Amino acid sequence: MSECCPYCGREYETPTGLYTHALTEHRAAVLSVWTDEHGISPTQTGQQSLREVTA
């Protein structure tokens, strides 16, 4: 069963392929969704600041 990217519609055979693509090609959008849905930012989870991640 293939997975479709919600940002560009490209199909992937595995969820891993989709996640890798989304985090590589659509990083800012993915981080925005995570922040909105979970009420967290990368700095609250011990990761880099949003500016560093999206640069």
PDB file of N, CA and C in Angstrom:
ATOM      1  N   MET A   1       0.838  -1.177   0.000  1.00  0.00           N
ATOM      2  CA  MET A   1       0.000   0.000   0.000  1.00  0.00           C
ATOM      3  C   MET A   1       0.888   1.246   0.000  1.00  0.00           C
ATOM      4  N   SER A   2       0.650   2.154  -0.915  1.00  0.00           N
ATOM      5  CA  SER A   2       1.490   3.342  -1.002  1.00  0.00           C
ATOM      6  C   SER A   2       0.952   4.466  -0.117  1.00  0.00           C
ATOM      7  N   GLU A   3       1.843   5.363   0.230  1.00  0.00           N
ATOM      8  CA  GLU A   3       1.522   6.528   1.052  1.00  0.00           C
ATOM      9  C   GLU A   3       1.715   7.772   0.196  1.00  0.00           C
ATOM     10  N   CYS A   4       0.807   8.745   0.316  1.00  0.00           N
ATOM     11  CA  CYS A   4       0.910   9.993  -0.443  1.00  0.00           C
ATOM     12  C   CYS A   4       1.333  11.136   0.464  1.00  0.00           C
ATOM     13  N   CYS A   5       2.219  11.965  -0.032  1.00  0.00           N
ATOM     14  CA  CYS A   5       2.644  13.156   0.692  1.00  0.00           C
ATOM     15  C   CYS A   5       1.483  14.157   0.719  1.00  0.00           C
ATOM     16  N   PRO A   6       1.096  14.636   1.903  1.00  0.00           N
ATOM     17  CA  PRO A   6      -0.012  15.587   1.979  1.00  0.00           C
ATOM     18  C   PRO A   6       0.347  16.974   1.448  1.00  0.00           C
ATOM     19  N   TYR A   7       1.626  17.231   1.229  1.00  0.00           N
ATOM     20  CA  TYR A   7       2.073  18.547   0.774  1.00  0.00           C
ATOM     21  C   TYR A   7       2.196  18.645  -0.743  1.00  0.00           C
ATOM     22  N   CYS A   8       2.606  17.553  -1.397  1.00  0.00           N
ATOM     23  CA  CYS A   8       2.804  17.626  -2.847  1.00  0.00           C
ATOM     24  C   CYS A   8       2.129  16.484  -3.612  1.00  0.00           C
ATOM     25  N   GLY A   9       1.599  15.482  -2.900  1.00  0.00           N
ATOM     26  CA  GLY A   9       0.887  14.393  -3.549  1.00  0.00           C
ATOM     27  C   GLY A   9       1.754  13.266  -4.083  1.00  0.00           C
ATOM     28  N   ARG A  10       3.060  13.363  -3.929  1.00  0.00           N
ATOM     29  CA  ARG A  10       3.960  12.317  -4.409  1.00  0.00           C
ATOM     30  C   ARG A  10       3.720  11.027  -3.625  1.00  0.00           C
ATOM     31  N   GLU A  11       3.755   9.890  -4.314  1.00  0.00           N
ATOM     32  CA  GLU A  11       3.494   8.600  -3.679  1.00  0.00           C
ATOM     33  C   GLU A  11       4.787   7.905  -3.274  1.00  0.00           C
ATOM     34  N   TYR A  12       4.726   7.203  -2.134  1.00  0.00           N
ATOM     35  CA  TYR A  12       5.862   6.447  -1.610  1.00  0.00           C
ATOM     36  C   TYR A  12       5.396   5.060  -1.231  1.00  0.00           C
ATOM     37  N   GLU A  13       6.251   4.082  -1.434  1.00  0.00           N
ATOM     38  CA  GLU A  13       5.924   2.689  -1.141  1.00  0.00           C
ATOM     39  C   GLU A  13       5.885   2.406   0.356  1.00  0.00           C
ATOM     40  N   THR A  14       6.679   3.121   1.145  1.00  0.00           N
ATOM     41  CA  THR A  14       6.743   2.864   2.584  1.00  0.00           C
ATOM     42  C   THR A  14       6.534   4.153   3.371  1.00  0.00           C
ATOM     43  N   PRO A  15       6.039   4.041   4.598  1.00  0.00           N
ATOM     44  CA  PRO A  15       5.921   5.227   5.445  1.00  0.00           C
ATOM     45  C   PRO A  15       7.273   5.896   5.690  1.00  0.00           C
ATOM     46  N   THR A  16       8.336   5.091   5.793  1.00  0.00           N
ATOM     47  CA  THR A  16       9.666   5.654   6.011  1.00  0.00           C
ATOM     48  C   THR A  16      10.070   6.560   4.860  1.00  0.00           C
ATOM     49  N   GLY A  17       9.806   6.143   3.642  1.00  0.00           N
ATOM     50  CA  GLY A  17      10.103   6.978   2.478  1.00  0.00           C
ATOM     51  C   GLY A  17       9.332   8.280   2.506  1.00  0.00           C
ATOM     52  N   LEU A  18       8.061   8.189   2.889  1.00  0.00           N
ATOM     53  CA  LEU A  18       7.230   9.385   2.990  1.00  0.00           C
ATOM     54  C   LEU A  18       7.761  10.321   4.066  1.00  0.00           C
ATOM     55  N   TYR A  19       8.072   9.803   5.249  1.00  0.00           N
ATOM     56  CA  TYR A  19       8.552  10.640   6.347  1.00  0.00           C
ATOM     57  C   TYR A  19       9.879  11.299   5.990  1.00  0.00           C
ATOM     58  N   THR A  20      10.774  10.540   5.370  1.00  0.00           N
ATOM     59  CA  THR A  20      12.061  11.104   4.964  1.00  0.00           C
ATOM     60  C   THR A  20      11.856  12.232   3.966  1.00  0.00           C
ATOM     61  N   HIS A  21      10.999  12.010   2.986  1.00  0.00           N
ATOM     62  CA  HIS A  21      10.693  13.038   1.991  1.00  0.00           C
ATOM     63  C   HIS A  21      10.100  14.275   2.656  1.00  0.00           C
ATOM     64  N   ALA A  22       9.096  14.088   3.515  1.00  0.00           N
ATOM     65  CA  ALA A  22       8.421  15.221   4.153  1.00  0.00           C
ATOM     66  C   ALA A  22       9.384  16.038   4.998  1.00  0.00           C
ATOM     67  N   LEU A  23      10.247  15.370   5.748  1.00  0.00           N
ATOM     68  CA  LEU A  23      11.184  16.103   6.599  1.00  0.00           C
ATOM     69  C   LEU A  23      12.311  16.745   5.805  1.00  0.00           C
ATOM     70  N   THR A  24      12.585  16.238   4.622  1.00  0.00           N
ATOM     71  CA  THR A  24      13.624  16.826   3.778  1.00  0.00           C
ATOM     72  C   THR A  24      13.071  17.959   2.928  1.00  0.00           C
ATOM     73  N   GLU A  25      11.970  17.716   2.251  1.00  0.00           N
ATOM     74  CA  GLU A  25      11.430  18.683   1.291  1.00  0.00           C
ATOM     75  C   GLU A  25      10.443  19.681   1.893  1.00  0.00           C
ATOM     76  N   HIS A  26       9.789  19.304   2.975  1.00  0.00           N
ATOM     77  CA  HIS A  26       8.723  20.147   3.536  1.00  0.00           C
ATOM     78  C   HIS A  26       8.935  20.389   5.030  1.00  0.00           C
ATOM     79  N   ARG A  27      10.192  20.506   5.448  1.00  0.00           N
ATOM     80  CA  ARG A  27      10.557  20.597   6.865  1.00  0.00           C
ATOM     81  C   ARG A  27       9.791  21.690   7.615  1.00  0.00           C
ATOM     82  N   ALA A  28       9.735  22.895   7.076  1.00  0.00           N
ATOM     83  CA  ALA A  28       9.068  24.007   7.768  1.00  0.00           C
ATOM     84  C   ALA A  28       7.582  23.716   7.968  1.00  0.00           C
ATOM     85  N   ALA A  29       6.936  23.148   6.966  1.00  0.00           N
ATOM     86  CA  ALA A  29       5.510  22.836   7.077  1.00  0.00           C
ATOM     87  C   ALA A  29       5.267  21.738   8.110  1.00  0.00           C
ATOM     88  N   VAL A  30       6.111  20.719   8.114  1.00  0.00           N
ATOM     89  CA  VAL A  30       5.966  19.623   9.072  1.00  0.00           C
ATOM     90  C   VAL A  30       6.148  20.142  10.496  1.00  0.00           C
ATOM     91  N   LEU A  31       7.172  20.956  10.720  1.00  0.00           N
ATOM     92  CA  LEU A  31       7.402  21.507  12.055  1.00  0.00           C
ATOM     93  C   LEU A  31       6.251  22.394  12.500  1.00  0.00           C
ATOM     94  N   SER A  32       5.683  23.130  11.575  1.00  0.00           N
ATOM     95  CA  SER A  32       4.544  23.988  11.890  1.00  0.00           C
ATOM     96  C   SER A  32       3.346  23.155  12.342  1.00  0.00           C
ATOM     97  N   VAL A  33       3.079  22.054  11.648  1.00  0.00           N
ATOM     98  CA  VAL A  33       1.965  21.173  12.013  1.00  0.00           C
ATOM     99  C   VAL A  33       2.208  20.563  13.390  1.00  0.00           C
ATOM    100  N   TRP A  34       3.424  20.072  13.645  1.00  0.00           N
ATOM    101  CA  TRP A  34       3.735  19.487  14.951  1.00  0.00           C
ATOM    102  C   TRP A  34       3.533  20.508  16.065  1.00  0.00           C
ATOM    103  N   THR A  35       4.003  21.736  15.834  1.00  0.00           N
ATOM    104  CA  THR A  35       3.863  22.790  16.837  1.00  0.00           C
ATOM    105  C   THR A  35       2.396  23.094  17.094  1.00  0.00           C
ATOM    106  N   ASP A  36       1.607  23.216  16.031  1.00  0.00           N
ATOM    107  CA  ASP A  36       0.181  23.522  16.168  1.00  0.00           C
ATOM    108  C   ASP A  36      -0.594  22.385  16.837  1.00  0.00           C
ATOM    109  N   GLU A  37      -0.334  21.151  16.428  1.00  0.00           N
ATOM    110  CA  GLU A  37      -1.112  20.018  16.929  1.00  0.00           C
ATOM    111  C   GLU A  37      -0.739  19.602  18.343  1.00  0.00           C
ATOM    112  N   HIS A  38       0.533  19.766  18.705  1.00  0.00           N
ATOM    113  CA  HIS A  38       1.002  19.253  19.989  1.00  0.00           C
ATOM    114  C   HIS A  38       1.358  20.347  20.987  1.00  0.00           C
ATOM    115  N   GLY A  39       1.317  21.607  20.554  1.00  0.00           N
ATOM    116  CA  GLY A  39       1.606  22.709  21.454  1.00  0.00           C
ATOM    117  C   GLY A  39       3.025  22.720  21.980  1.00  0.00           C
ATOM    118  N   ILE A  40       3.956  22.181  21.186  1.00  0.00           N
ATOM    119  CA  ILE A  40       5.358  22.170  21.603  1.00  0.00           C
ATOM    120  C   ILE A  40       6.213  22.805  20.525  1.00  0.00           C
ATOM    121  N   SER A  41       7.392  23.188  20.902  1.00  0.00           N
ATOM    122  CA  SER A  41       8.362  23.667  19.925  1.00  0.00           C
ATOM    123  C   SER A  41       9.608  22.806  20.076  1.00  0.00           C
ATOM    124  N   PRO A  42      10.476  22.785  19.076  1.00  0.00           N
ATOM    125  CA  PRO A  42      11.686  21.962  19.176  1.00  0.00           C
ATOM    126  C   PRO A  42      12.533  22.287  20.403  1.00  0.00           C
ATOM    127  N   THR A  43      12.572  23.560  20.822  1.00  0.00           N
ATOM    128  CA  THR A  43      13.400  23.908  21.978  1.00  0.00           C
ATOM    129  C   THR A  43      12.842  23.313  23.266  1.00  0.00           C
ATOM    130  N   GLN A  44      11.535  23.084  23.345  1.00  0.00           N
ATOM    131  CA  GLN A  44      10.946  22.476  24.532  1.00  0.00           C
ATOM    132  C   GLN A  44      11.255  20.989  24.614  1.00  0.00           C
ATOM    133  N   THR A  45      11.595  20.376  23.503  1.00  0.00           N
ATOM    134  CA  THR A  45      11.898  18.953  23.508  1.00  0.00           C
ATOM    135  C   THR A  45      13.397  18.694  23.485  1.00  0.00           C
ATOM    136  N   GLY A  46      14.206  19.743  23.680  1.00  0.00           N
ATOM    137  CA  GLY A  46      15.648  19.585  23.753  1.00  0.00           C
ATOM    138  C   GLY A  46      16.344  19.565  22.413  1.00  0.00           C
ATOM    139  N   GLN A  47      15.641  19.883  21.336  1.00  0.00           N
ATOM    140  CA  GLN A  47      16.257  19.908  20.020  1.00  0.00           C
ATOM    141  C   GLN A  47      16.724  21.318  19.692  1.00  0.00           C
ATOM    142  N   GLN A  48      17.149  21.511  18.467  1.00  0.00           N
ATOM    143  CA  GLN A  48      17.596  22.814  18.009  1.00  0.00           C
ATOM    144  C   GLN A  48      16.442  23.807  17.988  1.00  0.00           C
ATOM    145  N   SER A  49      16.786  25.101  17.942  1.00  0.00           N
ATOM    146  CA  SER A  49      15.743  26.110  17.800  1.00  0.00           C
ATOM    147  C   SER A  49      15.122  25.987  16.413  1.00  0.00           C
ATOM    148  N   LEU A  50      13.907  26.482  16.251  1.00  0.00           N
ATOM    149  CA  LEU A  50      13.211  26.399  14.971  1.00  0.00           C
ATOM    150  C   LEU A  50      14.011  27.087  13.873  1.00  0.00           C
ATOM    151  N   ARG A  51      14.627  28.219  14.169  1.00  0.00           N
ATOM    152  CA  ARG A  51      15.426  28.935  13.173  1.00  0.00           C
ATOM    153  C   ARG A  51      16.594  28.061  12.688  1.00  0.00           C
ATOM    154  N   GLU A  52      17.262  27.351  13.598  1.00  0.00           N
ATOM    155  CA  GLU A  52      18.374  26.479  13.212  1.00  0.00           C
ATOM    156  C   GLU A  52      17.891  25.295  12.380  1.00  0.00           C
ATOM    157  N   VAL A  53      16.749  24.746  12.731  1.00  0.00           N
ATOM    158  CA  VAL A  53      16.227  23.569  12.036  1.00  0.00           C
ATOM    159  C   VAL A  53      15.803  23.914  10.619  1.00  0.00           C
ATOM    160  N   THR A  54      15.176  25.068  10.426  1.00  0.00           N
ATOM    161  CA  THR A  54      14.662  25.419   9.106  1.00  0.00           C
ATOM    162  C   THR A  54      15.680  26.132   8.239  1.00  0.00           C
ATOM    163  N   ALA A  55      16.837  26.469   8.784  1.00  0.00           N
ATOM    164  CA  ALA A  55      17.867  27.181   8.003  1.00  0.00           C
ATOM    165  C   ALA A  55      18.537  26.264   7.008  1.00  0.00           C
TER     166      ALA A  55
END
